[in-house]
């Protein structure tokens, strides 16, 4: 499997076993010149001829320098380190969700509550496990990457964040047992190196039946498994499965004259968990993860309305450093396709194609401006 993050943080090719992962964590001795400084000083040819006081002074300086260079506060300025126990996480998550995740009041509420509680708990009983469900373009990938950056600022580039794509990393059903063994080995090795590792499994609806059950021991309420504690890790599943159930519930609320903001988690989570459990194409069909209640939250992503698509367009224009042109915003949003066919309330692709459509419309706007000049 291709590496999912810079520095070899992702799985290896499916044609060969996954690497066992990094065995040394933050507390491992720092490699490099600092660790070799003292032995080298002792081996210098003229050092034995010096007075004992000079030798003692040299050794003292070398020891102090070695200690300084290997101190986490110095070392971690230049090399990514696993967060220390009790180290506060960035506090800007709510602000980023409010500014960049549109139309998903349930996802914001659930994830903020879950992550805040987990990050402030010094002794969690199990790793945090979230399963995000909804149609494409509703924000599942964006939220998972935002959560990864919340724990590790480098996000998907971090060696402590691991992204698995079902169709890329686990393509062959006949190699199911091999994938299970590789997955266990990879998670075990990387959590040994960093207890706060984040694992993201995308395309769960395309994952072979039974594969994800291989990680069940790591998600359970065990203090340790083979000498490794997984309780501070985070596991995130992304799936389109259950999207139809979510869309139907949202449409029922709209038909009955209720606002989408009135939809509560209790209206969707039970239906979603049962639906995914009984869906052979969910990746969680009859999974022990659901049967043993090891998934902490099933997070529904609602279908996006026309107004939410316009929010996505505005955000993308700002991200490009462009002034927001409401004519372009309206044109891009109008070009999306909506369902149901008669009412045309929800975008069938969410905001997934906003960037591509904006490229075309901005290019037309630029040419029109130049023609006028």
Protein backbone atom coordinates (compact mmCIF):
# COMPACT_ATOMS: atom_id res chain seq x y z
CA UNK A 1 0.00 0.00 0.00
CA UNK A 2 1.16 3.47 -0.78
CA UNK A 3 2.29 5.60 2.10
CA UNK A 4 -0.57 7.70 3.37
CA UNK A 5 1.63 10.35 4.90
CA UNK A 6 5.09 11.76 4.47
CA UNK A 7 7.75 9.88 6.34
CA UNK A 8 6.37 6.39 5.73
CA UNK A 9 3.38 6.76 7.98
CA UNK A 10 1.07 4.87 5.65
CA UNK A 11 0.73 1.22 4.75
CA UNK A 12 3.04 -0.46 2.28
CA UNK A 13 2.06 -2.04 -1.03
CA UNK A 14 -0.58 -4.78 -0.88
CA UNK A 15 1.85 -7.09 -2.66
CA UNK A 16 4.13 -7.17 0.37
CA UNK A 17 3.58 -7.22 4.14
CA UNK A 18 2.90 -3.98 5.93
CA UNK A 19 5.87 -2.75 7.93
CA UNK A 20 5.63 -3.36 11.63
CA UNK A 21 5.58 0.38 12.25
CA UNK A 22 7.78 2.57 14.35
CA UNK A 23 8.93 0.84 17.49
CA UNK A 24 10.38 3.81 19.29
CA UNK A 25 8.23 6.49 20.77
CA UNK A 26 8.89 9.93 22.09
CA UNK A 27 10.93 8.64 25.01
CA UNK A 28 13.49 6.90 22.81
CA UNK A 29 17.05 8.17 22.87
CA UNK A 30 17.62 10.97 20.41
CA UNK A 31 19.69 9.88 17.41
CA UNK A 32 22.53 11.97 16.05
CA UNK A 33 25.58 13.84 17.25
CA UNK A 34 24.34 14.66 20.75
CA UNK A 35 24.14 11.00 21.78
CA UNK A 36 27.66 10.30 20.45
CA UNK A 37 29.35 13.41 21.84
CA UNK A 38 30.42 12.02 25.21
CA UNK A 39 31.91 8.71 23.92
CA UNK A 40 33.82 10.56 21.20
CA UNK A 41 35.33 12.97 23.71
CA UNK A 42 36.55 10.07 25.81
CA UNK A 43 38.25 8.54 22.77
CA UNK A 44 40.17 11.66 21.72
CA UNK A 45 43.90 10.76 21.63
CA UNK A 46 45.26 13.60 23.77
CA UNK A 47 42.53 13.63 26.34
CA UNK A 48 44.17 11.15 28.72
CA UNK A 49 47.22 13.43 29.02
CA UNK A 50 45.13 16.31 30.34
CA UNK A 51 44.84 17.08 34.01
CA UNK A 52 41.96 15.34 35.84
CA UNK A 53 40.27 18.71 36.35
CA UNK A 54 40.31 19.43 32.61
CA UNK A 55 39.00 15.96 31.81
CA UNK A 56 36.22 16.34 34.35
CA UNK A 57 35.29 19.75 32.97
CA UNK A 58 35.19 18.43 29.40
CA UNK A 59 33.01 15.51 30.41
CA UNK A 60 30.70 17.83 32.35
CA UNK A 61 30.28 20.17 29.40
CA UNK A 62 29.65 17.25 27.05
CA UNK A 63 27.05 15.78 29.40
CA UNK A 64 25.27 19.12 29.75
CA UNK A 65 25.28 19.70 26.00
CA UNK A 66 24.00 16.19 25.33
CA UNK A 67 21.19 16.67 27.83
CA UNK A 68 20.21 20.02 26.32
CA UNK A 69 20.19 18.79 22.73
CA UNK A 70 18.14 15.72 23.62
CA UNK A 71 15.60 17.65 25.71
CA UNK A 72 12.10 17.39 24.15
CA UNK A 73 11.57 21.17 24.16
CA UNK A 74 14.65 21.58 21.94
CA UNK A 75 14.47 18.40 19.89
CA UNK A 76 10.76 18.73 19.05
CA UNK A 77 11.31 22.17 17.53
CA UNK A 78 13.03 20.41 14.64
CA UNK A 79 11.50 16.93 14.58
CA UNK A 80 7.82 16.02 14.91
CA UNK A 81 7.15 14.45 18.31
CA UNK A 82 4.19 12.58 19.70
CA UNK A 83 2.17 14.84 22.04
CA UNK A 84 3.08 14.41 25.70
CA UNK A 85 0.54 13.09 28.17
CA UNK A 86 -1.57 15.97 29.44
CA UNK A 87 -0.37 18.30 26.68
CA UNK A 88 -3.30 20.59 25.74
CA UNK A 89 -4.69 20.25 22.23
CA UNK A 90 -5.32 23.26 19.96
CA UNK A 91 -8.45 25.16 21.00
CA UNK A 92 -9.47 26.44 17.57
CA UNK A 93 -11.50 23.39 16.52
CA UNK A 94 -14.91 24.97 17.13
CA UNK A 95 -13.93 28.12 15.25
CA UNK A 96 -12.67 26.12 12.27
CA UNK A 97 -15.82 24.01 12.19
CA UNK A 98 -18.04 27.10 12.31
CA UNK A 99 -16.11 28.80 9.53
CA UNK A 100 -15.58 25.88 7.15
CA UNK A 101 -18.12 23.09 7.74
CA UNK A 102 -21.55 24.06 6.45
CA UNK A 103 -25.00 22.62 7.11
CA UNK A 104 -23.79 20.01 9.59
CA UNK A 105 -25.02 21.06 13.02
CA UNK A 106 -25.18 17.45 14.21
CA UNK A 107 -21.64 16.59 13.14
CA UNK A 108 -20.27 19.75 14.76
CA UNK A 109 -22.09 19.14 18.03
CA UNK A 110 -21.23 15.44 18.31
CA UNK A 111 -17.59 15.71 17.28
CA UNK A 112 -16.86 18.72 19.48
CA UNK A 113 -18.39 17.00 22.48
CA UNK A 114 -16.59 13.73 21.77
CA UNK A 115 -13.15 15.19 21.07
CA UNK A 116 -13.26 17.68 23.93
CA UNK A 117 -14.25 15.02 26.44
CA UNK A 118 -11.67 12.56 25.14
CA UNK A 119 -8.79 15.04 25.03
CA UNK A 120 -9.47 16.24 28.59
CA UNK A 121 -9.74 12.73 30.02
CA UNK A 122 -6.34 11.71 31.48
CA UNK A 123 -7.36 8.03 31.63
CA UNK A 124 -9.79 7.08 28.84
CA UNK A 125 -11.10 3.51 29.03
CA UNK A 126 -10.85 2.95 25.27
CA UNK A 127 -9.73 4.78 22.14
CA UNK A 128 -12.10 7.32 20.62
CA UNK A 129 -13.91 5.70 17.69
CA UNK A 130 -16.09 7.73 15.31
CA UNK A 131 -18.02 6.52 12.27
CA UNK A 132 -18.96 9.32 9.85
CA UNK A 133 -21.78 8.64 7.39
CA UNK A 134 -23.38 10.55 4.53
CA UNK A 135 -23.30 11.12 0.80
CA UNK A 136 -20.21 12.39 -0.99
CA UNK A 137 -19.38 16.08 -0.66
CA UNK A 138 -21.06 16.61 2.70
CA UNK A 139 -17.83 17.15 4.67
CA UNK A 140 -16.75 13.76 6.07
CA UNK A 141 -13.21 13.88 4.68
CA UNK A 142 -12.82 17.52 5.61
CA UNK A 143 -13.86 16.89 9.20
CA UNK A 144 -11.58 13.87 9.59
CA UNK A 145 -8.59 15.87 8.33
CA UNK A 146 -9.50 18.76 10.63
CA UNK A 147 -9.56 16.35 13.58
CA UNK A 148 -6.18 14.96 12.56
CA UNK A 149 -4.72 18.50 12.53
CA UNK A 150 -6.34 19.12 15.90
CA UNK A 151 -4.14 16.38 17.38
CA UNK A 152 -1.12 16.60 15.05
CA UNK A 153 -0.66 20.02 13.36
CA UNK A 154 0.92 18.44 10.27
CA UNK A 155 -2.37 16.64 9.56
CA UNK A 156 -2.13 13.96 6.88
CA UNK A 157 1.56 14.80 6.48
CA UNK A 158 2.19 13.75 10.08
CA UNK A 159 3.95 10.44 10.67
CA UNK A 160 1.41 9.87 13.45
CA UNK A 161 -1.66 10.13 11.18
CA UNK A 162 -2.49 7.11 9.02
CA UNK A 163 -4.97 7.12 6.13
CA UNK A 164 -6.29 3.86 4.67
CA UNK A 165 -8.24 3.79 1.40
CA UNK A 166 -10.18 0.55 0.93
CA UNK A 167 -9.83 0.37 -2.86
CA UNK A 168 -6.12 1.23 -2.80
CA UNK A 169 -4.82 -0.54 0.29
CA UNK A 170 -7.13 -3.58 0.40
CA UNK A 171 -8.08 -4.29 -3.23
CA UNK A 172 -8.07 -8.12 -3.37
CA UNK A 173 -10.74 -10.08 -1.44
CA UNK A 174 -8.68 -13.27 -1.67
CA UNK A 175 -5.97 -11.63 0.46
CA UNK A 176 -8.31 -10.83 3.36
CA UNK A 177 -6.31 -12.74 5.98
CA UNK A 178 -3.06 -11.11 4.88
CA UNK A 179 -4.65 -7.65 5.09
CA UNK A 180 -5.94 -8.40 8.59
CA UNK A 181 -2.48 -9.44 9.79
CA UNK A 182 -0.82 -6.44 8.15
CA UNK A 183 -3.37 -4.04 9.60
CA UNK A 184 -2.88 -5.37 13.12
CA UNK A 185 0.90 -5.19 12.77
CA UNK A 186 0.78 -1.64 11.41
CA UNK A 187 -1.50 -0.32 14.15
CA UNK A 188 0.43 -2.12 16.89
CA UNK A 189 3.78 -0.73 15.74
CA UNK A 190 2.60 2.84 15.30
CA UNK A 191 0.68 3.07 18.57
CA UNK A 192 3.79 1.70 20.29
CA UNK A 193 5.65 4.69 18.83
CA UNK A 194 2.92 7.24 19.58
CA UNK A 195 -0.07 6.48 21.84
CA UNK A 196 -1.92 9.48 20.31
CA UNK A 197 -1.87 8.06 16.78
CA UNK A 198 -4.84 8.82 14.50
CA UNK A 199 -6.14 6.20 12.04
CA UNK A 200 -8.59 7.17 9.27
CA UNK A 201 -10.35 4.47 7.24
CA UNK A 202 -11.95 5.93 4.11
CA UNK A 203 -14.31 4.12 1.70
CA UNK A 204 -15.62 1.83 4.42
CA UNK A 205 -18.53 0.98 2.15
CA UNK A 206 -16.01 -0.59 -0.25
CA UNK A 207 -14.11 -2.56 2.40
CA UNK A 208 -14.27 -6.35 2.31
CA UNK A 209 -16.59 -7.97 4.83
CA UNK A 210 -14.82 -8.91 8.06
CA UNK A 211 -11.61 -6.97 7.40
CA UNK A 212 -12.26 -4.19 9.89
CA UNK A 213 -13.02 -6.73 12.65
CA UNK A 214 -9.26 -7.38 12.78
CA UNK A 215 -8.82 -4.18 14.79
CA UNK A 216 -11.50 -5.08 17.35
CA UNK A 217 -8.96 -5.91 20.14
CA UNK A 218 -7.49 -2.41 19.80
CA UNK A 219 -10.87 -0.68 20.17
CA UNK A 220 -12.05 -2.69 23.17
CA UNK A 221 -11.92 -1.84 26.87
CA UNK A 222 -8.50 -3.38 27.52
CA UNK A 223 -5.85 -1.62 29.56
CA UNK A 224 -3.19 -3.19 27.33
CA UNK A 225 -2.96 -5.67 24.48
CA UNK A 226 0.39 -7.47 24.34
CA UNK A 227 1.98 -4.72 26.40
CA UNK A 228 0.59 -1.83 24.32
CA UNK A 229 -2.16 0.57 25.40
CA UNK A 230 -4.44 1.85 22.63
CA UNK A 231 -6.64 3.98 24.86
CA UNK A 232 -5.33 7.36 23.67
CA UNK A 233 -5.53 6.63 19.94
CA UNK A 234 -8.32 7.87 17.65
CA UNK A 235 -10.01 5.76 14.96
CA UNK A 236 -12.25 7.39 12.33
CA UNK A 237 -14.36 5.52 9.75
CA UNK A 238 -15.74 7.30 6.67
CA UNK A 239 -18.59 5.80 4.67
CA UNK A 240 -21.31 6.64 2.17
CA UNK A 241 -23.33 3.77 3.65
CA UNK A 242 -26.39 5.00 5.49
CA UNK A 243 -26.53 8.14 3.36
CA UNK A 244 -29.93 7.18 1.96
CA UNK A 245 -31.34 6.77 5.48
CA UNK A 246 -29.98 10.17 6.50
CA UNK A 247 -31.35 11.84 3.37
CA UNK A 248 -34.79 10.31 3.91
CA UNK A 249 -34.91 11.55 7.49
CA UNK A 250 -33.87 15.06 6.41
CA UNK A 251 -36.51 15.07 3.67
CA UNK A 252 -39.19 13.88 6.12
CA UNK A 253 -38.37 16.80 8.41
CA UNK A 254 -38.57 19.22 5.49
CA UNK A 255 -41.88 17.74 4.28
CA UNK A 256 -43.39 18.09 7.75
CA UNK A 257 -42.37 21.76 7.86
CA UNK A 258 -39.59 21.33 10.43
CA UNK A 259 -36.21 23.04 10.23
CA UNK A 260 -33.18 20.82 9.61
CA UNK A 261 -31.62 22.26 12.77
CA UNK A 262 -34.38 20.51 14.73
CA UNK A 263 -32.98 17.11 13.74
CA UNK A 264 -31.29 15.54 16.74
CA UNK A 265 -28.77 12.73 17.00
CA UNK A 266 -31.37 10.47 18.62
CA UNK A 267 -33.48 10.81 15.44
CA UNK A 268 -30.74 9.27 13.31
CA UNK A 269 -28.11 7.35 15.28
CA UNK A 270 -30.18 4.24 16.14
CA UNK A 271 -31.49 3.92 12.58
CA UNK A 272 -28.01 4.53 11.19
CA UNK A 273 -26.22 1.94 13.34
CA UNK A 274 -28.82 -0.75 12.59
CA UNK A 275 -28.88 0.13 8.89
CA UNK A 276 -25.10 -0.05 8.58
CA UNK A 277 -24.96 -3.30 10.59
CA UNK A 278 -27.44 -4.93 8.18
CA UNK A 279 -25.95 -3.45 5.00
CA UNK A 280 -23.66 -5.95 3.24
CA UNK A 281 -21.93 -3.08 1.44
CA UNK A 282 -21.15 -0.97 4.51
CA UNK A 283 -17.85 -2.56 5.57
CA UNK A 284 -19.49 -2.99 8.98
CA UNK A 285 -21.96 -5.72 8.02
CA UNK A 286 -22.54 -7.86 11.14
CA UNK A 287 -19.34 -6.35 12.52
CA UNK A 288 -18.26 -7.11 16.08
CA UNK A 289 -17.39 -3.41 16.39
CA UNK A 290 -21.11 -2.61 16.34
CA UNK A 291 -22.21 -5.78 18.11
CA UNK A 292 -19.88 -5.00 21.04
CA UNK A 293 -20.72 -1.26 21.04
CA UNK A 294 -17.12 -0.27 20.32
CA UNK A 295 -18.03 2.61 17.98
CA UNK A 296 -18.60 5.58 20.26
CA UNK A 297 -20.58 7.75 17.84
CA UNK A 298 -22.30 7.26 14.51
CA UNK A 299 -22.10 10.77 13.08
CA UNK A 300 -24.67 11.62 10.37
CA UNK A 301 -23.84 14.17 7.66
CA UNK A 302 -27.00 15.76 6.29
CA UNK A 303 -27.54 16.48 2.58
CA UNK A 304 -26.62 20.05 1.63
CA UNK A 305 -29.13 22.60 0.41
CA UNK A 306 -28.63 25.32 -2.21
CA UNK A 307 -27.68 27.86 0.48
CA UNK A 308 -24.99 25.55 1.84
CA UNK A 309 -23.49 25.07 -1.61
CA UNK A 310 -23.23 28.85 -1.91
CA UNK A 311 -21.40 28.93 1.42
CA UNK A 312 -18.93 26.41 0.03
CA UNK A 313 -18.38 28.55 -3.07
CA UNK A 314 -17.75 31.69 -1.02
CA UNK A 315 -15.32 29.85 1.25
CA UNK A 316 -13.41 28.49 -1.75
CA UNK A 317 -13.16 31.95 -3.34
CA UNK A 318 -11.80 33.38 -0.09
CA UNK A 319 -9.33 30.49 0.21
CA UNK A 320 -8.03 31.40 -3.25
CA UNK A 321 -7.55 34.99 -2.16
CA UNK A 322 -10.28 36.28 -4.46
CA UNK A 323 -13.03 38.75 -3.73
CA UNK A 324 -16.43 37.08 -3.44
CA UNK A 325 -18.50 37.68 -6.56
CA UNK A 326 -22.12 36.83 -5.77
CA UNK A 327 -22.95 36.37 -9.45
CA UNK A 328 -20.30 33.66 -9.68
CA UNK A 329 -21.49 32.16 -6.39
CA UNK A 330 -25.05 31.94 -7.69
CA UNK A 331 -23.95 30.55 -11.05
CA UNK A 332 -21.88 27.76 -9.51
CA UNK A 333 -24.63 26.79 -7.05
CA UNK A 334 -27.28 26.80 -9.78
CA UNK A 335 -25.17 24.51 -11.93
CA UNK A 336 -25.24 21.71 -9.35
CA UNK A 337 -27.91 19.02 -9.63
CA UNK A 338 -30.46 18.65 -6.84
CA UNK A 339 -32.94 16.05 -5.56
CA UNK A 340 -35.73 15.09 -5.27
CA UNK A 341 -36.44 15.78 -8.91
CA UNK A 342 -39.58 17.82 -8.25
CA UNK A 343 -38.55 19.91 -5.24
CA UNK A 344 -34.78 20.09 -5.93
CA UNK A 345 -33.81 20.71 -2.32
CA UNK A 346 -30.53 18.87 -1.80
CA UNK A 347 -27.34 18.78 -3.86
CA UNK A 348 -26.68 15.20 -4.97
CA UNK A 349 -22.91 15.80 -4.85
CA UNK A 350 -22.85 18.12 -1.87
CA UNK A 351 -19.94 20.53 -2.39
CA UNK A 352 -17.69 17.94 -4.02
CA UNK A 353 -17.49 19.55 -7.47
CA UNK A 354 -17.47 23.18 -6.31
CA UNK A 355 -13.75 23.66 -6.97
CA UNK A 356 -13.92 22.36 -10.53
CA UNK A 357 -17.01 24.40 -11.40
CA UNK A 358 -15.53 27.52 -9.82
CA UNK A 359 -12.44 27.16 -12.04
CA UNK A 360 -14.64 27.45 -15.11
CA UNK A 361 -16.79 30.33 -13.90
CA UNK A 362 -13.86 32.37 -12.58
CA UNK A 363 -12.06 31.91 -15.90
CA UNK A 364 -15.13 33.18 -17.74
CA UNK A 365 -15.40 36.17 -15.37
CA UNK A 366 -11.74 37.08 -15.91
CA UNK A 367 -12.09 36.92 -19.70
CA UNK A 368 -15.26 39.02 -19.54
CA UNK A 369 -13.51 41.67 -17.43
CA UNK A 370 -10.54 41.80 -19.82
CA UNK A 371 -12.89 42.11 -22.81
CA UNK A 372 -14.61 45.11 -21.20
CA UNK A 373 -11.25 46.75 -20.52
